[in-house]
Amino acid sequence: MENLILKYIGNDSNGRPVYESENGKLFVDTDPRKDRQPRLCTKLNNAFDAEPDTPVMHIKRYADTEFVFEPERVVW
């Protein structure tokens, strides 16, 4: 299993936490409630305030990836 480190870079205009991977790819947690698993999506056009694009569960390259949040996952 591969680890992908996601660094918290702020909340988008809808208040959702946005993370950046080591290669500059942006991800958003569309359900950041602390009692739920993260629901990560890419960001449309890799833009900070863009809408969520593709859920990572539908992207083959992330099938065996464990997402590691730094410094931690931001939750509500």
PDB file of N, CA and C in Angstrom:
ATOM      1  N   MET A   1       0.839  -1.174   0.000  1.00  0.00           N
ATOM      2  CA  MET A   1       0.000   0.000   0.000  1.00  0.00           C
ATOM      3  C   MET A   1       0.887   1.242   0.000  1.00  0.00           C
ATOM      4  N   GLU A   2       0.522   2.185  -0.793  1.00  0.00           N
ATOM      5  CA  GLU A   2       1.274   3.426  -0.930  1.00  0.00           C
ATOM      6  C   GLU A   2       0.653   4.510  -0.059  1.00  0.00           C
ATOM      7  N   ASN A   3       1.500   5.333   0.544  1.00  0.00           N
ATOM      8  CA  ASN A   3       1.020   6.475   1.315  1.00  0.00           C
ATOM      9  C   ASN A   3       1.096   7.729   0.466  1.00  0.00           C
ATOM     10  N   LEU A   4       0.069   8.566   0.578  1.00  0.00           N
ATOM     11  CA  LEU A   4       0.078   9.864  -0.075  1.00  0.00           C
ATOM     12  C   LEU A   4      -0.131  10.908   1.017  1.00  0.00           C
ATOM     13  N   ILE A   5       0.871  11.760   1.191  1.00  0.00           N
ATOM     14  CA  ILE A   5       0.809  12.786   2.227  1.00  0.00           C
ATOM     15  C   ILE A   5       0.036  13.978   1.699  1.00  0.00           C
ATOM     16  N   LEU A   6      -0.985  14.385   2.457  1.00  0.00           N
ATOM     17  CA  LEU A   6      -1.812  15.541   2.108  1.00  0.00           C
ATOM     18  C   LEU A   6      -1.627  16.611   3.175  1.00  0.00           C
ATOM     19  N   LYS A   7      -1.150  17.774   2.756  1.00  0.00           N
ATOM     20  CA  LYS A   7      -0.927  18.885   3.679  1.00  0.00           C
ATOM     21  C   LYS A   7      -2.107  19.848   3.598  1.00  0.00           C
ATOM     22  N   TYR A   8      -2.645  20.153   4.762  1.00  0.00           N
ATOM     23  CA  TYR A   8      -3.756  21.092   4.852  1.00  0.00           C
ATOM     24  C   TYR A   8      -3.286  22.476   4.430  1.00  0.00           C
ATOM     25  N   ILE A   9      -4.035  23.111   3.487  1.00  0.00           N
ATOM     26  CA  ILE A   9      -3.646  24.442   3.021  1.00  0.00           C
ATOM     27  C   ILE A   9      -4.736  25.485   3.249  1.00  0.00           C
ATOM     28  N   GLY A  10      -5.870  25.084   3.825  1.00  0.00           N
ATOM     29  CA  GLY A  10      -6.922  26.047   4.130  1.00  0.00           C
ATOM     30  C   GLY A  10      -8.290  25.518   3.747  1.00  0.00           C
ATOM     31  N   ASN A  11      -9.309  26.337   4.002  1.00  0.00           N
ATOM     32  CA  ASN A  11     -10.672  25.973   3.642  1.00  0.00           C
ATOM     33  C   ASN A  11     -11.080  26.743   2.393  1.00  0.00           C
ATOM     34  N   ASP A  12     -11.790  26.067   1.494  1.00  0.00           N
ATOM     35  CA  ASP A  12     -12.254  26.734   0.283  1.00  0.00           C
ATOM     36  C   ASP A  12     -13.430  27.659   0.606  1.00  0.00           C
ATOM     37  N   SER A  13     -13.993  28.302  -0.406  1.00  0.00           N
ATOM     38  CA  SER A  13     -15.062  29.281  -0.197  1.00  0.00           C
ATOM     39  C   SER A  13     -16.341  28.654   0.360  1.00  0.00           C
ATOM     40  N   ASN A  14     -16.442  27.329   0.331  1.00  0.00           N
ATOM     41  CA  ASN A  14     -17.574  26.630   0.925  1.00  0.00           C
ATOM     42  C   ASN A  14     -17.251  26.052   2.300  1.00  0.00           C
ATOM     43  N   GLY A  15     -16.085  26.388   2.840  1.00  0.00           N
ATOM     44  CA  GLY A  15     -15.706  25.948   4.174  1.00  0.00           C
ATOM     45  C   GLY A  15     -15.154  24.538   4.254  1.00  0.00           C
ATOM     46  N   ARG A  16     -14.902  23.911   3.105  1.00  0.00           N
ATOM     47  CA  ARG A  16     -14.385  22.542   3.104  1.00  0.00           C
ATOM     48  C   ARG A  16     -12.858  22.567   3.169  1.00  0.00           C
ATOM     49  N   PRO A  17     -12.257  21.663   3.959  1.00  0.00           N
ATOM     50  CA  PRO A  17     -10.796  21.619   4.038  1.00  0.00           C
ATOM     51  C   PRO A  17     -10.170  21.141   2.727  1.00  0.00           C
ATOM     52  N   VAL A  18      -9.128  21.861   2.320  1.00  0.00           N
ATOM     53  CA  VAL A  18      -8.412  21.556   1.085  1.00  0.00           C
ATOM     54  C   VAL A  18      -6.992  21.138   1.453  1.00  0.00           C
ATOM     55  N   TYR A  19      -6.520  20.109   0.779  1.00  0.00           N
ATOM     56  CA  TYR A  19      -5.188  19.548   1.016  1.00  0.00           C
ATOM     57  C   TYR A  19      -4.418  19.512  -0.292  1.00  0.00           C
ATOM     58  N   GLU A  20      -3.108  19.600  -0.180  1.00  0.00           N
ATOM     59  CA  GLU A  20      -2.239  19.528  -1.350  1.00  0.00           C
ATOM     60  C   GLU A  20      -1.286  18.349  -1.195  1.00  0.00           C
ATOM     61  N   SER A  21      -1.172  17.553  -2.255  1.00  0.00           N
ATOM     62  CA  SER A  21      -0.249  16.420  -2.238  1.00  0.00           C
ATOM     63  C   SER A  21       1.156  16.904  -2.565  1.00  0.00           C
ATOM     64  N   GLU A  22       2.098  16.009  -2.425  1.00  0.00           N
ATOM     65  CA  GLU A  22       3.507  16.335  -2.677  1.00  0.00           C
ATOM     66  C   GLU A  22       3.749  16.794  -4.116  1.00  0.00           C
ATOM     67  N   ASN A  23       2.894  16.359  -5.045  1.00  0.00           N
ATOM     68  CA  ASN A  23       3.087  16.739  -6.445  1.00  0.00           C
ATOM     69  C   ASN A  23       2.186  17.907  -6.866  1.00  0.00           C
ATOM     70  N   GLY A  24       1.555  18.584  -5.898  1.00  0.00           N
ATOM     71  CA  GLY A  24       0.773  19.771  -6.198  1.00  0.00           C
ATOM     72  C   GLY A  24      -0.689  19.530  -6.536  1.00  0.00           C
ATOM     73  N   LYS A  25      -1.147  18.306  -6.424  1.00  0.00           N
ATOM     74  CA  LYS A  25      -2.552  17.977  -6.704  1.00  0.00           C
ATOM     75  C   LYS A  25      -3.401  18.375  -5.499  1.00  0.00           C
ATOM     76  N   LEU A  26      -4.532  19.047  -5.760  1.00  0.00           N
ATOM     77  CA  LEU A  26      -5.418  19.475  -4.691  1.00  0.00           C
ATOM     78  C   LEU A  26      -6.546  18.476  -4.481  1.00  0.00           C
ATOM     79  N   PHE A  27      -6.862  18.271  -3.202  1.00  0.00           N
ATOM     80  CA  PHE A  27      -7.940  17.375  -2.791  1.00  0.00           C
ATOM     81  C   PHE A  27      -8.808  18.110  -1.789  1.00  0.00           C
ATOM     82  N   VAL A  28     -10.088  17.791  -1.768  1.00  0.00           N
ATOM     83  CA  VAL A  28     -11.012  18.388  -0.818  1.00  0.00           C
ATOM     84  C   VAL A  28     -11.769  17.272  -0.103  1.00  0.00           C
ATOM     85  N   ASP A  29     -11.966  17.458   1.196  1.00  0.00           N
ATOM     86  CA  ASP A  29     -12.753  16.508   1.981  1.00  0.00           C
ATOM     87  C   ASP A  29     -14.186  17.036   1.974  1.00  0.00           C
ATOM     88  N   THR A  30     -15.073  16.365   1.254  1.00  0.00           N
ATOM     89  CA  THR A  30     -16.446  16.856   1.105  1.00  0.00           C
ATOM     90  C   THR A  30     -17.342  16.491   2.271  1.00  0.00           C
ATOM     91  N   ASP A  31     -16.853  15.688   3.197  1.00  0.00           N
ATOM     92  CA  ASP A  31     -17.621  15.350   4.398  1.00  0.00           C
ATOM     93  C   ASP A  31     -16.666  15.272   5.584  1.00  0.00           C
ATOM     94  N   PRO A  32     -16.212  16.452   6.068  1.00  0.00           N
ATOM     95  CA  PRO A  32     -15.185  16.462   7.109  1.00  0.00           C
ATOM     96  C   PRO A  32     -15.707  16.297   8.533  1.00  0.00           C
ATOM     97  N   ARG A  33     -16.826  15.619   8.688  1.00  0.00           N
ATOM     98  CA  ARG A  33     -17.330  15.384  10.046  1.00  0.00           C
ATOM     99  C   ARG A  33     -16.424  14.372  10.744  1.00  0.00           C
ATOM    100  N   LYS A  34     -16.130  14.639  12.029  1.00  0.00           N
ATOM    101  CA  LYS A  34     -15.157  13.823  12.756  1.00  0.00           C
ATOM    102  C   LYS A  34     -15.593  12.380  12.961  1.00  0.00           C
ATOM    103  N   ASP A  35     -16.882  12.102  12.879  1.00  0.00           N
ATOM    104  CA  ASP A  35     -17.349  10.732  13.078  1.00  0.00           C
ATOM    105  C   ASP A  35     -17.498   9.963  11.763  1.00  0.00           C
ATOM    106  N   ARG A  36     -16.977  10.531  10.680  1.00  0.00           N
ATOM    107  CA  ARG A  36     -17.071   9.894   9.359  1.00  0.00           C
ATOM    108  C   ARG A  36     -15.684   9.735   8.738  1.00  0.00           C
ATOM    109  N   GLN A  37     -15.597   8.782   7.843  1.00  0.00           N
ATOM    110  CA  GLN A  37     -14.369   8.617   7.062  1.00  0.00           C
ATOM    111  C   GLN A  37     -14.257   9.776   6.072  1.00  0.00           C
ATOM    112  N   PRO A  38     -13.043  10.187   5.710  1.00  0.00           N
ATOM    113  CA  PRO A  38     -12.888  11.265   4.739  1.00  0.00           C
ATOM    114  C   PRO A  38     -13.512  10.878   3.394  1.00  0.00           C
ATOM    115  N   ARG A  39     -14.128  11.850   2.742  1.00  0.00           N
ATOM    116  CA  ARG A  39     -14.660  11.663   1.391  1.00  0.00           C
ATOM    117  C   ARG A  39     -13.880  12.613   0.496  1.00  0.00           C
ATOM    118  N   LEU A  40     -12.737  12.133   0.036  1.00  0.00           N
ATOM    119  CA  LEU A  40     -11.834  12.968  -0.741  1.00  0.00           C
ATOM    120  C   LEU A  40     -12.207  12.997  -2.211  1.00  0.00           C
ATOM    121  N   CYS A  41     -12.119  14.188  -2.774  1.00  0.00           N
ATOM    122  CA  CYS A  41     -12.303  14.396  -4.209  1.00  0.00           C
ATOM    123  C   CYS A  41     -11.159  15.270  -4.698  1.00  0.00           C
ATOM    124  N   THR A  42     -10.865  15.153  -5.976  1.00  0.00           N
ATOM    125  CA  THR A  42      -9.944  16.102  -6.579  1.00  0.00           C
ATOM    126  C   THR A  42     -10.693  17.420  -6.748  1.00  0.00           C
ATOM    127  N   LYS A  43      -9.971  18.492  -7.040  1.00  0.00           N
ATOM    128  CA  LYS A  43     -10.584  19.796  -7.282  1.00  0.00           C
ATOM    129  C   LYS A  43     -10.605  20.042  -8.790  1.00  0.00           C
ATOM    130  N   LEU A  44     -11.732  20.507  -9.304  1.00  0.00           N
ATOM    131  CA  LEU A  44     -11.882  20.795 -10.729  1.00  0.00           C
ATOM    132  C   LEU A  44     -10.791  21.758 -11.173  1.00  0.00           C
ATOM    133  N   ASN A  45     -10.099  21.391 -12.229  1.00  0.00           N
ATOM    134  CA  ASN A  45      -8.984  22.181 -12.788  1.00  0.00           C
ATOM    135  C   ASN A  45      -7.889  22.465 -11.766  1.00  0.00           C
ATOM    136  N   ASN A  46      -7.850  21.676 -10.693  1.00  0.00           N
ATOM    137  CA  ASN A  46      -6.840  21.827  -9.643  1.00  0.00           C
ATOM    138  C   ASN A  46      -6.821  23.249  -9.077  1.00  0.00           C
ATOM    139  N   ALA A  47      -7.999  23.863  -8.993  1.00  0.00           N
ATOM    140  CA  ALA A  47      -8.134  25.227  -8.483  1.00  0.00           C
ATOM    141  C   ALA A  47      -8.670  25.192  -7.056  1.00  0.00           C
ATOM    142  N   PHE A  48      -8.086  25.993  -6.184  1.00  0.00           N
ATOM    143  CA  PHE A  48      -8.409  25.972  -4.760  1.00  0.00           C
ATOM    144  C   PHE A  48      -9.905  26.138  -4.488  1.00  0.00           C
ATOM    145  N   ASP A  49     -10.552  27.112  -5.088  1.00  0.00           N
ATOM    146  CA  ASP A  49     -11.967  27.370  -4.818  1.00  0.00           C
ATOM    147  C   ASP A  49     -12.911  26.698  -5.807  1.00  0.00           C
ATOM    148  N   ALA A  50     -12.393  25.797  -6.613  1.00  0.00           N
ATOM    149  CA  ALA A  50     -13.239  25.077  -7.575  1.00  0.00           C
ATOM    150  C   ALA A  50     -14.108  24.049  -6.863  1.00  0.00           C
ATOM    151  N   GLU A  51     -15.111  23.585  -7.572  1.00  0.00           N
ATOM    152  CA  GLU A  51     -15.989  22.535  -7.051  1.00  0.00           C
ATOM    153  C   GLU A  51     -15.224  21.213  -6.965  1.00  0.00           C
ATOM    154  N   PRO A  52     -15.670  20.301  -6.096  1.00  0.00           N
ATOM    155  CA  PRO A  52     -15.087  18.955  -6.085  1.00  0.00           C
ATOM    156  C   PRO A  52     -15.278  18.318  -7.455  1.00  0.00           C
ATOM    157  N   ASP A  53     -14.303  17.550  -7.878  1.00  0.00           N
ATOM    158  CA  ASP A  53     -14.365  16.910  -9.183  1.00  0.00           C
ATOM    159  C   ASP A  53     -14.619  15.417  -9.014  1.00  0.00           C
ATOM    160  N   THR A  54     -13.606  14.604  -9.094  1.00  0.00           N
ATOM    161  CA  THR A  54     -13.759  13.156  -9.067  1.00  0.00           C
ATOM    162  C   THR A  54     -13.454  12.590  -7.683  1.00  0.00           C
ATOM    163  N   PRO A  55     -14.354  11.789  -7.124  1.00  0.00           N
ATOM    164  CA  PRO A  55     -14.043  11.120  -5.859  1.00  0.00           C
ATOM    165  C   PRO A  55     -12.849  10.186  -6.036  1.00  0.00           C
ATOM    166  N   VAL A  56     -11.928  10.189  -5.088  1.00  0.00           N
ATOM    167  CA  VAL A  56     -10.712   9.379  -5.229  1.00  0.00           C
ATOM    168  C   VAL A  56     -11.028   7.891  -5.314  1.00  0.00           C
ATOM    169  N   MET A  57     -12.159   7.456  -4.757  1.00  0.00           N
ATOM    170  CA  MET A  57     -12.512   6.039  -4.821  1.00  0.00           C
ATOM    171  C   MET A  57     -12.766   5.577  -6.267  1.00  0.00           C
ATOM    172  N   HIS A  58     -12.963   6.530  -7.184  1.00  0.00           N
ATOM    173  CA  HIS A  58     -13.201   6.194  -8.586  1.00  0.00           C
ATOM    174  C   HIS A  58     -11.955   6.372  -9.456  1.00  0.00           C
ATOM    175  N   ILE A  59     -10.839   6.724  -8.841  1.00  0.00           N
ATOM    176  CA  ILE A  59      -9.600   6.927  -9.584  1.00  0.00           C
ATOM    177  C   ILE A  59      -8.691   5.734  -9.331  1.00  0.00           C
ATOM    178  N   LYS A  60      -8.435   4.986 -10.370  1.00  0.00           N
ATOM    179  CA  LYS A  60      -7.691   3.728 -10.261  1.00  0.00           C
ATOM    180  C   LYS A  60      -6.326   3.905  -9.591  1.00  0.00           C
ATOM    181  N   ARG A  61      -5.622   4.975  -9.886  1.00  0.00           N
ATOM    182  CA  ARG A  61      -4.272   5.160  -9.333  1.00  0.00           C
ATOM    183  C   ARG A  61      -4.274   5.310  -7.816  1.00  0.00           C
ATOM    184  N   TYR A  62      -5.422   5.636  -7.212  1.00  0.00           N
ATOM    185  CA  TYR A  62      -5.509   5.780  -5.762  1.00  0.00           C
ATOM    186  C   TYR A  62      -6.156   4.572  -5.084  1.00  0.00           C
ATOM    187  N   ALA A  63      -6.377   3.505  -5.826  1.00  0.00           N
ATOM    188  CA  ALA A  63      -7.077   2.323  -5.301  1.00  0.00           C
ATOM    189  C   ALA A  63      -6.394   1.733  -4.068  1.00  0.00           C
ATOM    190  N   ASP A  64      -5.089   1.667  -4.053  1.00  0.00           N
ATOM    191  CA  ASP A  64      -4.357   1.081  -2.922  1.00  0.00           C
ATOM    192  C   ASP A  64      -3.560   2.141  -2.170  1.00  0.00           C
ATOM    193  N   THR A  65      -4.138   3.316  -2.047  1.00  0.00           N
ATOM    194  CA  THR A  65      -3.442   4.426  -1.415  1.00  0.00           C
ATOM    195  C   THR A  65      -4.028   4.719  -0.045  1.00  0.00           C
ATOM    196  N   GLU A  66      -3.138   4.924   0.903  1.00  0.00           N
ATOM    197  CA  GLU A  66      -3.552   5.395   2.222  1.00  0.00           C
ATOM    198  C   GLU A  66      -3.217   6.882   2.283  1.00  0.00           C
ATOM    199  N   PHE A  67      -4.215   7.695   2.578  1.00  0.00           N
ATOM    200  CA  PHE A  67      -4.025   9.138   2.641  1.00  0.00           C
ATOM    201  C   PHE A  67      -3.625   9.527   4.057  1.00  0.00           C
ATOM    202  N   VAL A  68      -2.510  10.233   4.156  1.00  0.00           N
ATOM    203  CA  VAL A  68      -1.955  10.656   5.440  1.00  0.00           C
ATOM    204  C   VAL A  68      -2.093  12.176   5.508  1.00  0.00           C
ATOM    205  N   PHE A  69      -2.820  12.661   6.507  1.00  0.00           N
ATOM    206  CA  PHE A  69      -3.084  14.086   6.645  1.00  0.00           C
ATOM    207  C   PHE A  69      -2.041  14.736   7.537  1.00  0.00           C
ATOM    208  N   GLU A  70      -1.478  15.861   7.055  1.00  0.00           N
ATOM    209  CA  GLU A  70      -0.486  16.606   7.834  1.00  0.00           C
ATOM    210  C   GLU A  70      -0.944  18.044   7.981  1.00  0.00           C
ATOM    211  N   PRO A  71      -0.896  18.623   9.133  1.00  0.00           N
ATOM    212  CA  PRO A  71      -0.489  17.972  10.366  1.00  0.00           C
ATOM    213  C   PRO A  71      -1.541  16.988  10.873  1.00  0.00           C
ATOM    214  N   GLU A  72      -2.819  17.187  10.489  1.00  0.00           N
ATOM    215  CA  GLU A  72      -3.885  16.262  10.851  1.00  0.00           C
ATOM    216  C   GLU A  72      -5.085  16.568   9.954  1.00  0.00           C
ATOM    217  N   ARG A  73      -6.043  15.669   9.955  1.00  0.00           N
ATOM    218  CA  ARG A  73      -7.281  15.885   9.194  1.00  0.00           C
ATOM    219  C   ARG A  73      -8.105  16.961   9.906  1.00  0.00           C
ATOM    220  N   VAL A  74      -8.553  17.931   9.151  1.00  0.00           N
ATOM    221  CA  VAL A  74      -9.394  18.987   9.699  1.00  0.00           C
ATOM    222  C   VAL A  74     -10.835  18.502   9.649  1.00  0.00           C
ATOM    223  N   VAL A  75     -11.486  18.517  10.803  1.00  0.00           N
ATOM    224  CA  VAL A  75     -12.864  18.007  10.897  1.00  0.00           C
ATOM    225  C   VAL A  75     -13.769  19.026  11.569  1.00  0.00           C
ATOM    226  N   TRP A  76     -15.066  18.814  11.408  1.00  0.00           N
ATOM    227  CA  TRP A  76     -16.084  19.658  12.056  1.00  0.00           C
ATOM    228  C   TRP A  76     -16.633  18.947  13.240  1.00  0.00           C
TER     229      TRP A  76
END
